[in-house]
Amino acid sequence: MDDKARRFRALHEGPGAFILPNPWDAGTARILAACGFAALATTSAGLAFAGGVRDGGTSRDDMLAHCALIVGATPLPVSADLENGFGDSPEAVAETIHAAAAVGLAGGSIEDHTGRRDAPIYDFSLAVERIAAAVEARQALPGDFVLTARAENFLWGRPDLDDTIRRLQAFEAAGADVLYAPGLPDIDAVRAVCSAVSRPVNVVIGIGAARFTRDELAAAGVRRISIGSSLARLAYGRFARAAQAMQREGRFDFLDEAMGFAEIEAFFTSFAARER
């Protein structure tokens, strides 16, 4: 396991930006591995949708069981979306870090979103204390674990770049390995975040209207690009539109875009060949 974590950390130290895609089951994990990606990350939304519940509606036990499934599907390092650590207190966050490492994860992220719409972001001091507790838990582990700290302002109606940077800087000072502010509106904001911190920065693709290329993000200083729920939402969107067309119109045009058995199974054959 420690080898996976070391490989994952090394990806953040290389030149340019690497893409960290997000599968939501063993099959999608193996397809991504067959495509040549070097590491994977879970998606809390993808897991929730697969369980038929809203994002944020999954228990910690179910989340960890899902993480173990993704970890076991390939030999690649896996980082987990650990949401807010499944509790408000620093102690709850620390427990989640220990539990995440125990299922074989190479890393994980903790966000400062409370899960409450009336007060969606933790107060600054508590947010920092929570990351400090996660760092302390990481340091007590027998092996490595790459900790990502997330500042969620832009996802929850608080588009305050100055406060976002202040939080990321405080998370860095507390010992976080990777910094992440989902939903940044433009490349100037991305560049400002990367310039304000010295640790690797993750940017997610697929949130909001902004679209960036890997080269644009790398030039702005980004080291890691995640996809979040975008691939899962793409699959669910096409599935739902096909189902609606069948029910409302009796049409099956979606079959023209369906991937054949041989093509799908070729990914799994390729994955198995890589393992030999």
Protein backbone atom coordinates (compact mmCIF):
# COMPACT_ATOMS: atom_id res chain seq x y z
CA MET A 1 0.00 0.00 0.00
CA ASP A 2 2.78 2.41 0.87
CA ASP A 3 4.16 1.95 -2.66
CA LYS A 4 0.85 3.19 -4.08
CA ALA A 5 0.92 6.26 -1.87
CA ARG A 6 4.52 6.99 -2.83
CA ARG A 7 3.66 6.67 -6.52
CA PHE A 8 0.68 8.96 -6.01
CA ARG A 9 2.77 11.58 -4.25
CA ALA A 10 5.40 11.40 -6.98
CA LEU A 11 2.79 12.28 -9.61
CA HIS A 12 2.37 15.65 -7.89
CA GLU A 13 6.10 16.31 -8.08
CA GLY A 14 6.53 15.79 -11.82
CA PRO A 15 6.41 18.47 -14.50
CA GLY A 16 3.14 19.78 -15.91
CA ALA A 17 -0.30 18.59 -14.84
CA PHE A 18 -1.63 15.04 -14.64
CA ILE A 19 -5.27 14.01 -15.02
CA LEU A 20 -6.92 12.17 -12.13
CA PRO A 21 -10.20 10.67 -13.48
CA ASN A 22 -13.07 9.52 -11.29
CA PRO A 23 -14.65 6.08 -11.79
CA TRP A 24 -17.73 5.02 -9.86
CA ASP A 25 -17.52 1.21 -10.04
CA ALA A 26 -15.00 -1.54 -10.76
CA GLY A 27 -15.78 -1.59 -14.48
CA THR A 28 -15.17 2.12 -15.01
CA ALA A 29 -12.02 1.91 -12.87
CA ARG A 30 -10.62 -0.84 -15.09
CA ILE A 31 -11.54 1.02 -18.28
CA LEU A 32 -9.63 4.07 -17.02
CA ALA A 33 -6.67 1.89 -16.05
CA ALA A 34 -6.70 0.32 -19.52
CA CYS A 35 -6.67 3.83 -21.01
CA GLY A 36 -3.34 4.42 -19.31
CA PHE A 37 -4.16 6.77 -16.43
CA ALA A 38 -1.66 6.62 -13.58
CA ALA A 39 -4.07 7.12 -10.65
CA LEU A 40 -7.78 7.31 -9.89
CA ALA A 41 -10.08 9.20 -7.54
CA THR A 42 -13.52 8.35 -6.24
CA THR A 43 -16.54 10.59 -6.76
CA SER A 44 -19.00 11.01 -3.90
CA ALA A 45 -21.71 12.08 -6.35
CA GLY A 46 -21.08 9.11 -8.64
CA LEU A 47 -21.38 6.76 -5.67
CA ALA A 48 -24.54 8.48 -4.45
CA PHE A 49 -26.18 8.30 -7.87
CA ALA A 50 -25.34 4.60 -8.16
CA GLY A 51 -27.10 4.11 -4.83
CA GLY A 52 -30.11 6.14 -5.93
CA VAL A 53 -29.60 8.93 -3.40
CA ARG A 54 -28.57 12.59 -3.55
CA ASP A 55 -24.96 13.64 -3.31
CA GLY A 56 -24.00 13.76 0.34
CA GLY A 57 -26.54 11.07 1.25
CA THR A 58 -24.02 8.24 1.68
CA SER A 59 -22.84 7.05 5.09
CA ARG A 60 -19.18 6.79 5.98
CA ASP A 61 -19.36 2.99 6.12
CA ASP A 62 -20.91 2.82 2.65
CA MET A 63 -18.38 5.31 1.33
CA LEU A 64 -15.46 3.30 2.70
CA ALA A 65 -16.87 0.06 1.30
CA HIS A 66 -17.10 1.74 -2.10
CA CYS A 67 -13.53 3.02 -1.78
CA ALA A 68 -12.34 -0.49 -1.01
CA LEU A 69 -14.07 -1.71 -4.19
CA ILE A 70 -12.31 0.91 -6.32
CA VAL A 71 -8.96 0.24 -4.61
CA GLY A 72 -9.30 -3.49 -5.28
CA ALA A 73 -10.31 -3.09 -8.92
CA THR A 74 -6.86 -2.01 -10.19
CA PRO A 75 -3.27 -1.67 -8.94
CA LEU A 76 -3.44 2.10 -9.37
CA PRO A 77 -3.25 4.54 -6.45
CA VAL A 78 -6.70 5.81 -5.46
CA SER A 79 -7.58 9.08 -3.73
CA ALA A 80 -11.01 9.42 -2.15
CA ASP A 81 -13.55 12.19 -1.95
CA LEU A 82 -14.07 12.05 1.82
CA GLU A 83 -16.56 14.95 1.78
CA ASN A 84 -16.38 16.85 5.08
CA GLY A 85 -14.86 13.92 6.93
CA PHE A 86 -18.32 12.71 8.00
CA GLY A 87 -18.49 14.93 11.03
CA ASP A 88 -18.06 18.52 12.13
CA SER A 89 -15.40 17.99 14.78
CA PRO A 90 -11.67 17.69 14.17
CA GLU A 91 -11.85 14.32 15.94
CA ALA A 92 -14.36 13.00 13.38
CA VAL A 93 -12.09 14.10 10.54
CA ALA A 94 -9.11 12.33 12.11
CA GLU A 95 -11.13 9.11 12.48
CA THR A 96 -12.09 9.28 8.81
CA ILE A 97 -8.46 9.68 7.73
CA HIS A 98 -7.45 6.60 9.73
CA ALA A 99 -10.38 4.62 8.29
CA ALA A 100 -9.57 5.76 4.74
CA ALA A 101 -5.97 4.62 5.00
CA ALA A 102 -7.11 1.29 6.43
CA VAL A 103 -9.03 0.40 3.24
CA GLY A 104 -5.94 1.00 1.11
CA LEU A 105 -6.44 4.53 -0.16
CA ALA A 106 -3.37 6.47 -1.25
CA GLY A 107 -4.95 9.80 -0.35
CA GLY A 108 -8.16 11.67 0.28
CA SER A 109 -9.72 15.11 0.40
CA ILE A 110 -11.44 16.96 3.24
CA GLU A 111 -13.68 19.93 2.43
CA ASP A 112 -14.83 22.91 4.48
CA HIS A 113 -18.48 22.49 3.42
CA THR A 114 -20.71 21.80 6.40
CA GLY A 115 -23.51 20.02 4.53
CA ARG A 116 -25.99 22.63 5.81
CA ARG A 117 -27.52 25.04 3.33
CA ASP A 118 -28.18 27.72 5.96
CA ALA A 119 -24.48 27.85 6.91
CA PRO A 120 -22.62 25.98 4.16
CA ILE A 121 -19.00 26.82 5.05
CA TYR A 122 -17.24 26.14 8.34
CA ASP A 123 -15.93 29.17 10.21
CA PHE A 124 -12.33 29.85 9.33
CA SER A 125 -10.81 28.72 12.62
CA LEU A 126 -12.76 25.47 12.75
CA ALA A 127 -11.97 24.76 9.09
CA VAL A 128 -8.25 25.07 9.83
CA GLU A 129 -8.51 22.98 13.00
CA ARG A 130 -10.18 20.22 10.99
CA ILE A 131 -7.35 20.14 8.45
CA ALA A 132 -4.77 20.23 11.23
CA ALA A 133 -6.45 17.17 12.78
CA ALA A 134 -6.37 15.42 9.40
CA VAL A 135 -2.65 16.20 9.11
CA GLU A 136 -1.99 14.86 12.60
CA ALA A 137 -3.89 11.68 11.72
CA ARG A 138 -1.93 11.32 8.48
CA GLN A 139 1.37 11.70 10.34
CA ALA A 140 0.38 8.92 12.73
CA LEU A 141 -0.23 6.43 9.90
CA PRO A 142 2.34 3.69 9.30
CA GLY A 143 2.59 4.65 5.60
CA ASP A 144 2.16 7.65 3.35
CA PHE A 145 -1.19 9.31 2.59
CA VAL A 146 -1.64 12.36 0.34
CA LEU A 147 -4.01 14.78 2.04
CA THR A 148 -5.98 17.26 -0.06
CA ALA A 149 -7.68 20.25 1.60
CA ARG A 150 -10.66 21.81 -0.16
CA ALA A 151 -12.07 25.35 0.10
CA GLU A 152 -15.68 25.19 -1.08
CA ASN A 153 -16.72 28.86 -1.24
CA PHE A 154 -17.39 28.96 -4.98
CA LEU A 155 -19.71 25.94 -4.85
CA TRP A 156 -21.96 27.38 -2.17
CA GLY A 157 -22.77 30.96 -3.11
CA ARG A 158 -19.67 32.56 -1.64
CA PRO A 159 -17.55 33.58 -4.65
CA ASP A 160 -14.94 35.26 -2.49
CA LEU A 161 -11.51 34.61 -4.02
CA ASP A 162 -9.63 36.42 -1.25
CA ASP A 163 -11.24 34.29 1.47
CA THR A 164 -10.69 31.16 -0.61
CA ILE A 165 -6.99 31.92 -0.93
CA ARG A 166 -6.76 32.77 2.77
CA ARG A 167 -8.24 29.37 3.60
CA LEU A 168 -5.97 27.49 1.21
CA GLN A 169 -2.92 29.27 2.62
CA ALA A 170 -3.99 28.33 6.14
CA PHE A 171 -4.57 24.72 5.07
CA GLU A 172 -1.08 24.68 3.57
CA ALA A 173 0.39 26.06 6.79
CA ALA A 174 -1.46 23.32 8.69
CA GLY A 175 0.31 20.69 6.58
CA ALA A 176 -2.05 19.75 3.72
CA ASP A 177 -0.27 18.17 0.75
CA VAL A 178 -2.57 19.36 -2.05
CA LEU A 179 -4.88 22.38 -2.22
CA TYR A 180 -8.19 22.51 -4.05
CA ALA A 181 -10.88 25.15 -4.61
CA PRO A 182 -13.60 23.67 -6.83
CA GLY A 183 -15.60 25.97 -9.07
CA LEU A 184 -13.03 28.68 -9.79
CA PRO A 185 -14.65 30.86 -12.47
CA ASP A 186 -11.81 31.61 -14.87
CA ILE A 187 -8.15 31.01 -15.60
CA ASP A 188 -7.16 34.24 -13.83
CA ALA A 189 -8.66 32.89 -10.61
CA VAL A 190 -6.85 29.59 -11.13
CA ARG A 191 -3.59 31.46 -11.68
CA ALA A 192 -4.16 33.57 -8.56
CA VAL A 193 -4.66 30.46 -6.41
CA CYS A 194 -1.59 28.72 -7.81
CA SER A 195 0.52 31.85 -7.26
CA ALA A 196 -0.65 32.24 -3.66
CA VAL A 197 0.42 28.79 -2.43
CA SER A 198 3.48 26.58 -2.76
CA ARG A 199 1.82 23.14 -2.56
CA PRO A 200 0.34 21.38 -5.63
CA VAL A 201 -3.08 22.66 -6.70
CA ASN A 202 -5.95 20.50 -7.96
CA VAL A 203 -8.54 21.92 -10.36
CA VAL A 204 -11.74 20.05 -11.21
CA ILE A 205 -13.22 20.05 -14.71
CA GLY A 206 -16.97 20.07 -15.19
CA ILE A 207 -18.18 22.42 -12.45
CA GLY A 208 -19.71 25.67 -13.69
CA ALA A 209 -19.40 27.11 -17.16
CA ALA A 210 -15.61 27.43 -17.23
CA ARG A 211 -13.75 24.98 -19.47
CA PHE A 212 -9.98 24.69 -19.48
CA THR A 213 -7.54 22.47 -21.33
CA ARG A 214 -4.74 20.56 -19.65
CA ASP A 215 -2.15 22.83 -21.26
CA GLU A 216 -3.93 25.99 -20.06
CA LEU A 217 -4.12 24.67 -16.52
CA ALA A 218 -0.52 23.51 -16.49
CA ALA A 219 0.60 26.94 -17.73
CA ALA A 220 -1.37 28.52 -14.86
CA GLY A 221 0.51 26.40 -12.33
CA VAL A 222 -1.93 23.51 -11.77
CA ARG A 223 -0.38 20.12 -10.98
CA ARG A 224 -3.49 17.90 -10.81
CA ILE A 225 -6.74 17.89 -12.81
CA SER A 226 -9.69 15.88 -11.51
CA ILE A 227 -12.99 15.19 -13.27
CA GLY A 228 -15.31 14.87 -10.27
CA SER A 229 -18.75 13.57 -11.17
CA SER A 230 -18.53 14.63 -14.82
CA LEU A 231 -18.03 11.17 -16.31
CA ALA A 232 -20.78 9.73 -14.10
CA ARG A 233 -23.13 12.55 -15.07
CA LEU A 234 -22.32 11.98 -18.73
CA ALA A 235 -23.26 8.30 -18.41
CA TYR A 236 -26.41 9.01 -16.40
CA GLY A 237 -27.44 11.78 -18.79
CA ARG A 238 -27.22 9.57 -21.84
CA PHE A 239 -28.97 6.74 -20.02
CA ALA A 240 -31.84 8.98 -18.87
CA ARG A 241 -32.34 10.55 -22.30
CA ALA A 242 -32.44 7.11 -23.93
CA ALA A 243 -34.98 5.89 -21.35
CA GLN A 244 -37.15 8.98 -21.86
CA ALA A 245 -37.09 8.52 -25.63
CA MET A 246 -38.16 4.89 -25.27
CA GLN A 247 -41.00 5.70 -22.89
CA ARG A 248 -42.36 8.83 -24.60
CA GLU A 249 -41.71 8.13 -28.27
CA GLY A 250 -41.05 4.42 -28.55
CA ARG A 251 -37.72 5.24 -30.20
CA PHE A 252 -34.45 3.33 -29.86
CA ASP A 253 -32.06 5.64 -31.70
CA PHE A 254 -29.64 5.46 -28.80
CA LEU A 255 -28.56 2.05 -30.02
CA ASP A 256 -26.52 3.75 -32.73
CA GLU A 257 -24.23 5.13 -30.01
CA ALA A 258 -24.16 2.04 -27.80
CA MET A 259 -20.74 0.43 -27.47
CA GLY A 260 -20.58 -3.17 -28.59
CA PHE A 261 -19.67 -6.12 -26.37
CA ALA A 262 -16.34 -6.66 -28.10
CA GLU A 263 -15.28 -3.05 -27.69
CA ILE A 264 -16.23 -2.97 -24.01
CA GLU A 265 -14.59 -6.29 -23.28
CA ALA A 266 -11.44 -5.17 -25.10
CA PHE A 267 -10.85 -2.68 -22.28
CA PHE A 268 -11.00 -5.47 -19.71
CA THR A 269 -8.76 -7.70 -21.83
CA SER A 270 -6.26 -4.85 -22.11
CA PHE A 271 -6.42 -4.29 -18.36
CA ALA A 272 -5.81 -8.00 -17.68
CA ALA A 273 -2.86 -8.00 -20.09
CA ARG A 274 -1.29 -5.08 -18.21
CA GLU A 275 -1.56 -7.11 -15.01
CA ARG A 276 0.35 -10.11 -16.37
